[in-house]
Protein backbone atom coordinates (compact mmCIF):
# COMPACT_ATOMS: atom_id res chain seq x y z
CA UNK A 1 -79.66 54.56 -47.75
CA UNK A 2 -81.25 57.75 -47.23
CA UNK A 3 -84.34 56.16 -48.86
CA UNK A 4 -84.93 53.21 -46.46
CA UNK A 5 -84.55 55.70 -43.54
CA UNK A 6 -86.77 58.03 -44.95
CA UNK A 7 -89.35 54.68 -45.57
CA UNK A 8 -88.89 53.51 -42.17
CA UNK A 9 -88.97 56.97 -40.81
CA UNK A 10 -92.81 57.45 -42.80
CA UNK A 11 -93.37 54.10 -41.53
CA UNK A 12 -92.96 54.85 -37.69
CA UNK A 13 -95.09 58.25 -38.57
CA UNK A 14 -97.76 56.09 -39.44
CA UNK A 15 -97.86 54.04 -36.68
CA UNK A 16 -97.31 56.83 -34.07
CA UNK A 17 -100.33 58.68 -36.06
CA UNK A 18 -102.26 55.72 -36.36
CA UNK A 19 -101.94 55.28 -32.59
CA UNK A 20 -102.89 59.07 -31.77
CA UNK A 21 -105.60 58.60 -33.99
CA UNK A 22 -107.18 55.78 -31.80
CA UNK A 23 -106.27 57.60 -28.86
CA UNK A 24 -108.08 60.38 -30.01
CA UNK A 25 -110.91 58.51 -30.91
CA UNK A 26 -111.32 56.83 -27.77
CA UNK A 27 -110.79 59.78 -25.78
CA UNK A 28 -113.97 61.89 -27.98
CA UNK A 29 -115.69 58.27 -27.24
CA UNK A 30 -115.42 58.30 -23.38
CA UNK A 31 -115.84 62.17 -23.56
CA UNK A 32 -118.75 61.80 -25.33
CA UNK A 33 -120.07 58.83 -23.25
CA UNK A 34 -119.43 61.00 -19.97
CA UNK A 35 -121.24 64.10 -21.90
CA UNK A 36 -124.44 61.61 -22.54
CA UNK A 37 -124.60 60.16 -19.26
CA UNK A 38 -123.99 64.18 -17.67
CA UNK A 39 -127.10 65.18 -19.93
CA UNK A 40 -129.30 61.84 -19.34
CA UNK A 41 -128.23 62.26 -15.59
CA UNK A 42 -129.68 66.29 -15.50
CA UNK A 43 -132.86 65.28 -17.98
CA UNK A 44 -133.43 62.21 -15.69
CA UNK A 45 -136.42 61.37 -17.73
CA UNK A 46 -136.81 57.63 -18.74
CA UNK A 47 -139.86 57.58 -20.43
CA UNK A 48 -141.26 61.02 -22.38
CA UNK A 49 -144.59 60.62 -24.26
CA UNK A 50 -145.60 63.38 -26.47
CA UNK A 51 -149.30 63.60 -27.31
CA UNK A 52 -149.78 65.20 -30.74
CA UNK A 53 -147.34 64.41 -33.50
CA UNK A 54 -147.76 67.59 -35.61
CA UNK A 55 -145.36 70.41 -36.61
CA UNK A 56 -144.52 70.70 -32.53
CA UNK A 57 -144.82 67.22 -31.47
CA UNK A 58 -143.32 65.66 -33.96
CA UNK A 59 -139.88 68.07 -33.97
CA UNK A 60 -139.46 67.20 -30.37
CA UNK A 61 -139.92 63.86 -30.97
CA UNK A 62 -137.06 63.63 -33.92
CA UNK A 63 -135.18 65.98 -31.76
CA UNK A 64 -134.74 63.80 -29.10
CA UNK A 65 -134.64 60.53 -31.14
CA UNK A 66 -131.24 62.56 -32.78
CA UNK A 67 -129.74 63.90 -29.57
CA UNK A 68 -127.74 61.68 -27.06
CA UNK A 69 -131.24 61.13 -25.06
CA UNK A 70 -131.33 57.50 -24.11
CA UNK A 71 -134.41 57.34 -23.09
CA UNK A 72 -137.65 56.04 -24.39
CA UNK A 73 -139.64 58.50 -26.60
CA UNK A 74 -143.68 57.74 -26.98
CA UNK A 75 -146.11 59.35 -29.42
CA UNK A 76 -149.54 59.54 -29.45
CA UNK A 77 -151.74 61.46 -31.69
CA UNK A 78 -155.59 61.17 -32.80
CA UNK A 79 -154.62 59.81 -36.21
CA UNK A 80 -153.01 55.96 -35.83
CA UNK A 81 -151.34 56.33 -39.19
CA UNK A 82 -149.21 59.28 -38.27
CA UNK A 83 -148.13 57.27 -34.81
CA UNK A 84 -147.26 54.14 -36.97
CA UNK A 85 -145.72 56.49 -39.32
CA UNK A 86 -143.34 57.97 -36.73
CA UNK A 87 -142.55 54.31 -35.06
CA UNK A 88 -141.57 52.95 -39.03
CA UNK A 89 -139.16 56.10 -39.15
CA UNK A 90 -137.59 55.03 -36.00
CA UNK A 91 -138.83 58.20 -34.12
CA UNK A 92 -141.12 56.99 -31.65
CA UNK A 93 -140.50 53.35 -29.69
CA UNK A 94 -144.76 52.47 -29.81
CA UNK A 95 -146.41 51.11 -32.70
CA UNK A 96 -149.75 50.96 -30.98
CA UNK A 97 -152.17 54.79 -30.32
CA UNK A 98 -153.16 53.58 -27.06
CA UNK A 99 -153.39 56.48 -24.34
CA UNK A 100 -154.12 55.11 -21.29
CA UNK A 101 -151.14 52.37 -21.74
CA UNK A 102 -148.57 54.92 -22.91
CA UNK A 103 -149.19 57.35 -20.10
CA UNK A 104 -148.80 54.77 -17.12
CA UNK A 105 -145.14 54.59 -18.38
CA UNK A 106 -144.08 57.89 -18.76
CA UNK A 107 -142.30 60.38 -16.08
CA UNK A 108 -142.43 63.43 -18.55
CA UNK A 109 -145.96 63.88 -20.29
CA UNK A 110 -145.96 66.62 -23.46
CA UNK A 111 -148.95 68.36 -24.59
CA UNK A 112 -148.40 69.01 -27.98
CA UNK A 113 -152.08 69.42 -29.42
CA UNK A 114 -154.16 72.19 -29.90
CA UNK A 115 -154.71 74.11 -26.86
CA UNK A 116 -158.67 73.62 -27.10
CA UNK A 117 -158.07 69.67 -26.76
CA UNK A 118 -155.99 69.85 -23.99
CA UNK A 119 -159.20 69.56 -20.98
CA UNK A 120 -160.10 66.47 -23.28
CA UNK A 121 -157.61 64.95 -22.98
CA UNK A 122 -156.06 65.38 -19.57
CA UNK A 123 -159.63 64.46 -18.13
CA UNK A 124 -159.14 61.45 -20.20
CA UNK A 125 -155.51 60.32 -18.97
CA UNK A 126 -155.69 61.78 -15.64
CA UNK A 127 -156.20 58.49 -13.37
CA UNK A 128 -153.65 56.64 -15.78
CA UNK A 129 -150.59 59.32 -15.11
CA UNK A 130 -147.92 58.40 -12.31
CA UNK A 131 -147.59 60.35 -9.24
CA UNK A 132 -144.46 61.74 -9.81
CA UNK A 133 -144.92 62.52 -13.58
CA UNK A 134 -144.22 66.10 -14.93
CA UNK A 135 -146.65 67.51 -17.26
CA UNK A 136 -145.73 70.43 -19.83
CA UNK A 137 -147.16 71.95 -22.96
CA UNK A 138 -145.97 73.98 -26.04
CA UNK A 139 -148.93 75.96 -26.24
CA UNK A 140 -148.51 79.73 -27.29
CA UNK A 141 -150.64 81.01 -24.54
CA UNK A 142 -150.17 80.45 -20.91
CA UNK A 143 -152.70 82.05 -18.43
CA UNK A 144 -155.22 80.05 -19.68
CA UNK A 145 -153.55 76.74 -20.15
CA UNK A 146 -152.59 77.08 -16.65
CA UNK A 147 -156.17 77.34 -15.46
CA UNK A 148 -157.43 74.43 -17.29
CA UNK A 149 -154.87 72.46 -15.74
CA UNK A 150 -155.28 73.39 -12.16
CA UNK A 151 -159.03 73.00 -12.54
CA UNK A 152 -158.70 69.52 -14.04
CA UNK A 153 -155.58 67.82 -11.99
CA UNK A 154 -156.39 70.01 -8.57
CA UNK A 155 -152.96 70.06 -7.90
CA UNK A 156 -152.24 65.92 -8.39
CA UNK A 157 -149.24 66.58 -11.08
CA UNK A 158 -146.97 69.51 -11.43
CA UNK A 159 -147.29 71.31 -14.41
CA UNK A 160 -145.03 73.77 -16.11
CA UNK A 161 -145.83 75.51 -19.03
CA UNK A 162 -143.39 75.84 -22.26
CA UNK A 163 -143.48 77.59 -25.50
CA UNK A 164 -141.27 77.37 -28.54
CA UNK A 165 -141.02 80.24 -30.19
CA UNK A 166 -140.25 78.16 -33.28
CA UNK A 167 -142.72 76.68 -36.14
CA UNK A 168 -144.19 77.33 -39.32
CA UNK A 169 -147.00 78.42 -41.49
CA UNK A 170 -147.12 74.32 -42.38
CA UNK A 171 -148.68 71.99 -39.98
CA UNK A 172 -148.78 68.28 -39.66
CA UNK A 173 -146.25 65.22 -39.03
CA UNK A 174 -144.56 65.74 -42.56
CA UNK A 175 -143.06 68.72 -41.87
CA UNK A 176 -141.56 68.20 -38.57
CA UNK A 177 -137.76 68.41 -38.60
CA UNK A 178 -135.34 67.76 -36.09
CA UNK A 179 -133.44 71.35 -35.96
CA UNK A 180 -136.57 72.99 -35.83
CA UNK A 181 -136.03 74.30 -31.91
CA UNK A 182 -132.33 75.25 -32.48
CA UNK A 183 -131.65 78.78 -31.12
CA UNK A 184 -135.21 79.35 -30.97
CA UNK A 185 -136.36 81.01 -27.71
CA UNK A 186 -138.09 78.10 -25.54
CA UNK A 187 -140.21 79.65 -22.86
CA UNK A 188 -141.14 78.01 -19.42
CA UNK A 189 -143.71 79.50 -17.29
CA UNK A 190 -144.67 78.90 -13.34
CA UNK A 191 -146.47 80.69 -11.24
CA UNK A 192 -144.07 82.55 -9.00
CA UNK A 193 -144.34 85.95 -6.88
CA UNK A 194 -140.41 86.43 -8.02
CA UNK A 195 -140.13 89.65 -9.43
CA UNK A 196 -137.43 88.41 -11.98
CA UNK A 197 -139.69 85.85 -13.61
CA UNK A 198 -142.69 88.14 -13.48
CA UNK A 199 -141.09 90.86 -15.93
CA UNK A 200 -140.41 90.42 -19.44
CA UNK A 201 -136.46 90.61 -19.80
CA UNK A 202 -133.36 89.36 -22.19
CA UNK A 203 -131.22 88.85 -19.04
CA UNK A 204 -132.59 86.29 -16.87
CA UNK A 205 -129.68 85.65 -14.69
CA UNK A 206 -131.56 86.43 -11.36
CA UNK A 207 -133.89 83.22 -11.91
CA UNK A 208 -130.72 81.27 -11.80
CA UNK A 209 -131.66 80.38 -8.08
CA UNK A 210 -135.20 79.70 -8.98
CA UNK A 211 -134.11 77.11 -11.73
CA UNK A 212 -131.24 75.50 -9.17
CA UNK A 213 -133.75 74.99 -6.40
CA UNK A 214 -136.59 73.41 -8.34
CA UNK A 215 -135.67 69.89 -9.65
CA UNK A 216 -138.53 69.90 -12.08
CA UNK A 217 -137.89 73.02 -13.85
CA UNK A 218 -133.93 72.13 -13.59
CA UNK A 219 -134.35 68.96 -15.79
CA UNK A 220 -137.04 70.47 -18.42
CA UNK A 221 -134.44 73.44 -18.76
CA UNK A 222 -131.97 70.93 -19.70
CA UNK A 223 -134.54 69.11 -21.73
CA UNK A 224 -134.82 72.27 -23.79
CA UNK A 225 -131.12 72.96 -24.43
CA UNK A 226 -131.15 69.21 -25.87
CA UNK A 227 -133.57 70.04 -28.22
CA UNK A 228 -131.43 72.89 -29.52
CA UNK A 229 -133.52 76.11 -27.98
CA UNK A 230 -132.53 78.34 -25.44
CA UNK A 231 -134.81 78.23 -22.03
CA UNK A 232 -136.21 81.84 -20.82
CA UNK A 233 -138.06 81.45 -17.58
CA UNK A 234 -141.38 83.53 -17.41
CA UNK A 235 -144.55 84.12 -15.66
CA UNK A 236 -147.46 83.17 -17.68
CA UNK A 237 -149.20 86.89 -17.44
CA UNK A 238 -146.18 88.42 -18.66
CA UNK A 239 -145.52 85.69 -21.72
CA UNK A 240 -149.38 86.20 -22.71
CA UNK A 241 -148.87 89.97 -22.36
CA UNK A 242 -145.67 89.91 -24.41
CA UNK A 243 -146.60 87.37 -26.69
CA UNK A 244 -149.69 89.06 -27.76
CA UNK A 245 -148.00 92.10 -29.11
CA UNK A 246 -145.28 90.43 -30.73
CA UNK A 247 -146.77 87.36 -32.01
CA UNK A 248 -151.00 87.52 -32.06
CA UNK A 249 -151.57 91.09 -32.69
CA UNK A 250 -149.03 90.60 -36.00
CA UNK A 251 -150.90 87.75 -37.34
CA UNK A 252 -154.37 89.54 -36.80
CA UNK A 253 -152.93 92.48 -38.57
CA UNK A 254 -151.57 90.66 -41.56
CA UNK A 255 -155.21 88.90 -41.86
CA UNK A 256 -156.90 92.46 -41.88
CA UNK A 257 -154.39 93.67 -44.27
CA UNK A 258 -155.52 91.12 -46.61
CA UNK A 259 -158.88 91.79 -45.58
CA UNK A 260 -158.49 95.38 -46.33
CA UNK A 261 -158.19 94.84 -50.34
CA UNK A 262 -162.02 94.69 -49.91
CA UNK A 263 -164.66 93.04 -52.09
CA UNK A 264 -161.76 93.64 -55.09
CA UNK A 265 -159.18 91.50 -53.14
CA UNK A 266 -159.38 88.48 -55.94
CA UNK A 267 -158.45 91.54 -58.63
CA UNK A 268 -155.98 93.09 -56.66
CA UNK A 269 -153.95 90.09 -55.27
CA UNK A 270 -152.41 89.89 -58.83
CA UNK A 271 -150.43 93.64 -58.46
CA UNK A 272 -149.52 93.51 -54.57
CA UNK A 273 -145.80 94.62 -54.24
CA UNK A 274 -143.16 93.22 -51.96
CA UNK A 275 -144.66 95.06 -48.69
CA UNK A 276 -147.97 93.37 -48.96
CA UNK A 277 -146.25 90.33 -49.65
CA UNK A 278 -144.16 90.58 -46.42
CA UNK A 279 -146.44 92.10 -44.22
CA UNK A 280 -149.05 89.40 -44.85
CA UNK A 281 -146.99 86.41 -45.16
CA UNK A 282 -147.83 85.18 -41.85
CA UNK A 283 -151.84 85.18 -42.45
CA UNK A 284 -151.13 82.25 -44.18
CA UNK A 285 -151.30 79.94 -40.74
CA UNK A 286 -153.54 77.62 -39.93
CA UNK A 287 -157.01 79.26 -39.27
CA UNK A 288 -158.33 76.70 -36.69
CA UNK A 289 -155.10 77.12 -34.85
CA UNK A 290 -155.37 80.70 -35.14
CA UNK A 291 -158.92 80.86 -34.08
CA UNK A 292 -158.11 78.94 -30.73
CA UNK A 293 -155.04 81.07 -29.91
CA UNK A 294 -156.60 84.26 -30.15
CA UNK A 295 -159.42 83.17 -27.96
CA UNK A 296 -157.11 81.89 -25.50
CA UNK A 297 -155.18 85.06 -25.15
CA UNK A 298 -158.92 87.20 -25.18
CA UNK A 299 -157.98 89.95 -22.65
CA UNK A 300 -154.18 90.58 -23.79
CA UNK A 301 -155.24 90.62 -27.64
CA UNK A 302 -157.87 93.05 -26.40
CA UNK A 303 -155.66 95.24 -24.84
CA UNK A 304 -153.05 95.10 -27.19
CA UNK A 305 -155.49 96.42 -29.99
CA UNK A 306 -157.12 99.01 -27.98
CA UNK A 307 -153.30 100.18 -28.35
CA UNK A 308 -153.29 99.50 -31.92
CA UNK A 309 -156.54 101.45 -32.45
CA UNK A 310 -155.02 104.28 -30.82
CA UNK A 311 -152.02 104.35 -33.05
CA UNK A 312 -154.12 104.24 -35.83
CA UNK A 313 -156.29 107.13 -34.74
CA UNK A 314 -153.17 108.99 -34.06
CA UNK A 315 -152.04 108.49 -38.02
CA UNK A 316 -155.34 108.72 -39.25
CA UNK A 317 -155.69 112.62 -37.32
CA UNK A 318 -152.07 113.30 -38.34
CA UNK A 319 -152.81 112.43 -42.39
CA UNK A 320 -156.04 114.47 -42.08
CA UNK A 321 -154.37 117.54 -40.86
CA UNK A 322 -152.00 117.15 -42.92
CA UNK A 323 -149.08 116.91 -39.78
CA UNK A 324 -146.14 115.98 -41.92
CA UNK A 325 -143.67 116.33 -39.26
CA UNK A 326 -146.01 114.43 -36.73
CA UNK A 327 -145.88 111.57 -39.67
CA UNK A 328 -142.51 111.27 -40.37
CA UNK A 329 -141.41 111.53 -36.15
CA UNK A 330 -143.76 108.80 -35.98
CA UNK A 331 -142.39 106.53 -38.88
CA UNK A 332 -138.67 107.68 -37.93
CA UNK A 333 -139.55 106.12 -34.21
CA UNK A 334 -141.14 102.98 -35.97
CA UNK A 335 -138.14 102.42 -38.25
CA UNK A 336 -135.52 102.63 -35.61
CA UNK A 337 -137.35 100.12 -33.23
CA UNK A 338 -137.75 98.12 -36.37
CA UNK A 339 -134.15 98.01 -36.92
CA UNK A 340 -133.29 97.25 -33.32
CA UNK A 341 -134.65 93.67 -33.61
CA UNK A 342 -131.85 91.44 -32.97
CA UNK A 343 -130.06 89.96 -35.77
CA UNK A 344 -130.04 86.71 -33.76
CA UNK A 345 -133.31 86.23 -33.21
CA UNK A 346 -134.91 83.26 -35.16
CA UNK A 347 -137.81 83.79 -36.68
CA UNK A 348 -141.15 81.77 -35.20
CA UNK A 349 -141.87 80.90 -39.18
CA UNK A 350 -140.02 78.76 -42.21
CA UNK A 351 -136.87 80.64 -42.98
CA UNK A 352 -137.03 81.75 -46.68
CA UNK A 353 -134.04 80.97 -48.63
CA UNK A 354 -134.65 82.92 -51.86
CA UNK A 355 -132.66 85.55 -54.34
CA UNK A 356 -133.53 88.78 -56.27
CA UNK A 357 -132.02 88.65 -59.59
CA UNK A 358 -131.92 91.62 -61.36
CA UNK A 359 -132.19 90.66 -65.20
CA UNK A 360 -133.97 91.95 -68.01
CA UNK A 361 -137.76 90.74 -68.49
CA UNK A 362 -137.16 88.92 -71.68
CA UNK A 363 -137.25 85.33 -73.45
CA UNK A 364 -134.94 82.68 -72.01
CA UNK A 365 -133.68 84.24 -68.84
CA UNK A 366 -135.33 81.70 -66.88
CA UNK A 367 -133.79 78.85 -68.68
CA UNK A 368 -130.39 80.96 -68.47
CA UNK A 369 -130.50 81.32 -64.72
CA UNK A 370 -132.00 77.43 -64.21
CA UNK A 371 -129.55 76.06 -66.58
CA UNK A 372 -126.90 78.08 -64.71
CA UNK A 373 -127.80 76.28 -61.49
CA UNK A 374 -128.35 73.12 -62.80
CA UNK A 375 -124.51 73.08 -64.04
CA UNK A 376 -123.62 73.45 -60.52
CA UNK A 377 -125.45 71.23 -58.95
CA UNK A 378 -127.66 73.42 -57.02
CA UNK A 379 -130.62 72.57 -56.62
CA UNK A 380 -133.77 75.20 -57.07
CA UNK A 381 -137.12 75.09 -55.27
CA UNK A 382 -139.22 77.29 -57.43
CA UNK A 383 -138.60 80.37 -59.58
CA UNK A 384 -141.34 82.87 -59.77
CA UNK A 385 -141.21 86.19 -62.04
CA UNK A 386 -142.41 88.96 -59.93
CA UNK A 387 -144.68 91.15 -61.96
CA UNK A 388 -145.55 93.81 -58.87
CA UNK A 389 -141.37 94.96 -58.09
CA UNK A 390 -142.21 97.88 -55.72
CA UNK A 391 -139.49 97.50 -53.20
CA UNK A 392 -137.94 94.67 -54.83
CA UNK A 393 -135.00 94.81 -56.69
CA UNK A 394 -135.46 92.10 -59.51
CA UNK A 395 -137.23 90.56 -62.00
CA UNK A 396 -136.78 86.72 -61.22
CA UNK A 397 -137.27 85.20 -57.52
CA UNK A 398 -135.46 81.85 -56.97
CA UNK A 399 -136.14 80.00 -54.07
CA UNK A 400 -134.03 77.18 -52.79
CA UNK A 401 -134.48 74.47 -50.21
CA UNK A 402 -131.37 75.24 -48.08
CA UNK A 403 -129.41 77.85 -46.65
CA UNK A 404 -126.20 76.24 -48.21
CA UNK A 405 -127.45 76.08 -51.18
CA UNK A 406 -128.53 79.51 -51.23
CA UNK A 407 -124.63 80.53 -50.37
CA UNK A 408 -123.30 78.51 -53.00
CA UNK A 409 -125.91 80.44 -55.62
CA UNK A 410 -124.65 83.88 -53.81
CA UNK A 411 -121.00 82.89 -54.77
CA UNK A 412 -122.09 81.57 -58.73
CA UNK A 413 -123.75 85.13 -59.26
CA UNK A 414 -120.90 86.72 -58.12
CA UNK A 415 -118.72 85.35 -60.71
CA UNK A 416 -121.34 86.38 -63.19
CA UNK A 417 -123.39 89.40 -64.64
CA UNK A 418 -126.35 88.77 -62.45
CA UNK A 419 -126.99 91.23 -59.90
CA UNK A 420 -128.76 89.86 -56.64
CA UNK A 421 -130.64 90.62 -53.25
CA UNK A 422 -131.54 88.37 -50.48
CA UNK A 423 -135.36 88.27 -50.26
CA UNK A 424 -135.32 87.59 -46.47
CA UNK A 425 -133.14 90.58 -46.04
CA UNK A 426 -135.54 93.23 -47.14
């Protein structure tokens, strides 16, 4: 009898559970529908055209396709094959690469091609852009871009500059990804007299009134959030001053460090240590892209280079005069500033998922590590023997494709005799 009661009770419990589950599912569906409706209402773009389907343009298209955005996504490229590939993958809604016909349909155009192509593209499409269409871009220089757009469009269309602080030393549609902009700063630039916007500040709460009162900016702001980015309002001039010192000059310095190896660089490169590897990683970026960036931000970069040269002269003088106290003070100040970089900031380049494994350099050690990974279904991207190990706590460098694989490897190594250090945290 008790068993029958229990069975009935369990049955009733299952029924109630199913009802509650259905209610929750219906509630979540309604909430998602309302949320999607609100998001699309805030954005209010029905047809988005992306000109350039490389790393950034392709990633925007993929992010939009994976988001609650319900409008059309059009992609244009100098390669018809790229357009057809993106269409075949369901990323964009067009399979034709007709610039004029696509542009006519758009209420937002995103210039995602190299900065040096903007003028030619705008001259070609300007007579086909609908009157109410908003135009933005993704270039890493803003003052010269605003000037170029103003010169060609003569105020016929609204332009708001854009610059996502995300990317990779790799380029092309093949390496684009939907999550590229997640938690990355995405700068939006407008010409304004507002002091809040004309300053480089972490806290931009003072610009809320500007965003709320500017419908175009409001829509673009929410679009950036939909992509996963963190929108940040700034003036073109303040933006270019900032990136010249935090992005453009560092890239130039990385290239200069490589060149400082001199005529013997092909021989010396085999003996470089961890410090050289870390400091020159970004020199692997696309030379043509960086040529255009350095040219477009000429005045700010030259100013930043003057500051760099001044500091080099100071360091040179301290070393020549054996001013060890001054040198230590200089290095200590630099160390403190470097340690103050916020941990939440997203690298503009692909994060490296790698571990340095401290093992004896002996036969069979690579097979042992690789076998350990294989036995636990952890996929390895690459394994490298580090011969120049200055500042590197290990003989082997093991690379992984994803953060989850890296975390699983850490847990596994914690239960072995292998000591490890995470490469990206050195």
